[in-house]
Amino acid sequence: MSNPDFEVQDEGSICLLRPLTDAAKTWVGEHIPDDAQWFGNAVAVEHRFIEPIVVGIVADGLEVE
């Protein structure tokens, strides 16, 4: 069983992108705008944007659950 770097949680009107590792937190710092909306320890992302974000995460060698 692998340890994913990110968890994506579908909450209906938004998705929550939760960084789980230090590498994921670094990725968020480098790729997610500073004014992004956080909900607890996760970035709130509109559904239309989550797929390209996940594609970018995977392309950079990180794992998404």
Protein backbone atom coordinates (compact mmCIF):
# COMPACT_ATOMS: atom_id res chain seq x y z
CA MET A 1 0.00 0.00 0.00
CA SER A 2 1.42 3.37 -1.01
CA ASN A 3 1.26 6.63 0.86
CA PRO A 4 -0.36 9.26 -1.37
CA ASP A 5 0.91 12.82 -1.39
CA PHE A 6 -2.56 14.32 -1.85
CA GLU A 7 -6.14 13.43 -1.08
CA VAL A 8 -8.99 14.81 -3.20
CA GLN A 9 -12.38 14.91 -1.53
CA ASP A 10 -15.52 15.72 -3.53
CA GLU A 11 -17.80 17.89 -1.41
CA GLY A 12 -20.50 18.55 -3.99
CA SER A 13 -20.02 22.16 -5.05
CA ILE A 14 -16.23 22.06 -4.51
CA CYS A 15 -13.38 19.61 -4.17
CA LEU A 16 -10.95 19.71 -1.29
CA LEU A 17 -7.31 19.17 -2.25
CA ARG A 18 -5.47 18.09 0.88
CA PRO A 19 -1.66 17.92 0.86
CA LEU A 20 -0.54 14.99 3.03
CA THR A 21 3.25 15.03 2.68
CA ASP A 22 6.00 17.63 2.83
CA ALA A 23 6.48 17.19 -0.94
CA ALA A 24 2.78 17.94 -1.46
CA LYS A 25 2.95 21.04 0.73
CA THR A 26 5.94 22.26 -1.28
CA TRP A 27 4.05 21.59 -4.53
CA VAL A 28 1.07 23.61 -3.29
CA GLY A 29 3.39 26.48 -2.35
CA GLU A 30 4.87 26.47 -5.85
CA HIS A 31 1.70 25.93 -7.92
CA ILE A 32 -1.38 27.16 -6.07
CA PRO A 33 -1.97 30.93 -5.91
CA ASP A 34 -1.36 32.65 -2.57
CA ASP A 35 -4.95 33.89 -2.50
CA ALA A 36 -6.45 30.39 -2.83
CA GLN A 37 -9.29 29.62 -0.44
CA TRP A 38 -8.34 27.17 2.30
CA PHE A 39 -10.86 25.07 4.20
CA GLY A 40 -9.04 23.71 7.21
CA ASN A 41 -5.94 21.94 5.89
CA ALA A 42 -7.23 21.64 2.31
CA VAL A 43 -7.46 23.95 -0.67
CA ALA A 44 -11.02 24.49 -1.91
CA VAL A 45 -11.07 23.96 -5.68
CA GLU A 46 -13.95 24.34 -8.12
CA HIS A 47 -14.76 21.13 -9.99
CA ARG A 48 -13.76 22.60 -13.34
CA PHE A 49 -10.20 23.17 -12.08
CA ILE A 50 -9.49 19.98 -10.13
CA GLU A 51 -8.67 17.76 -13.13
CA PRO A 52 -5.89 19.98 -14.55
CA ILE A 53 -4.47 20.40 -11.05
CA VAL A 54 -4.39 16.63 -10.50
CA VAL A 55 -2.82 16.12 -13.94
CA GLY A 56 -0.08 18.59 -12.97
CA ILE A 57 0.49 16.88 -9.63
CA VAL A 58 0.86 13.47 -11.26
CA ALA A 59 3.08 14.88 -14.03
CA ASP A 60 5.41 16.14 -11.31
CA GLY A 61 5.71 12.61 -9.89
CA LEU A 62 3.39 12.91 -6.90
CA GLU A 63 0.54 10.55 -6.05
CA VAL A 64 -3.11 11.52 -5.58
CA GLU A 65 -5.67 9.44 -3.73
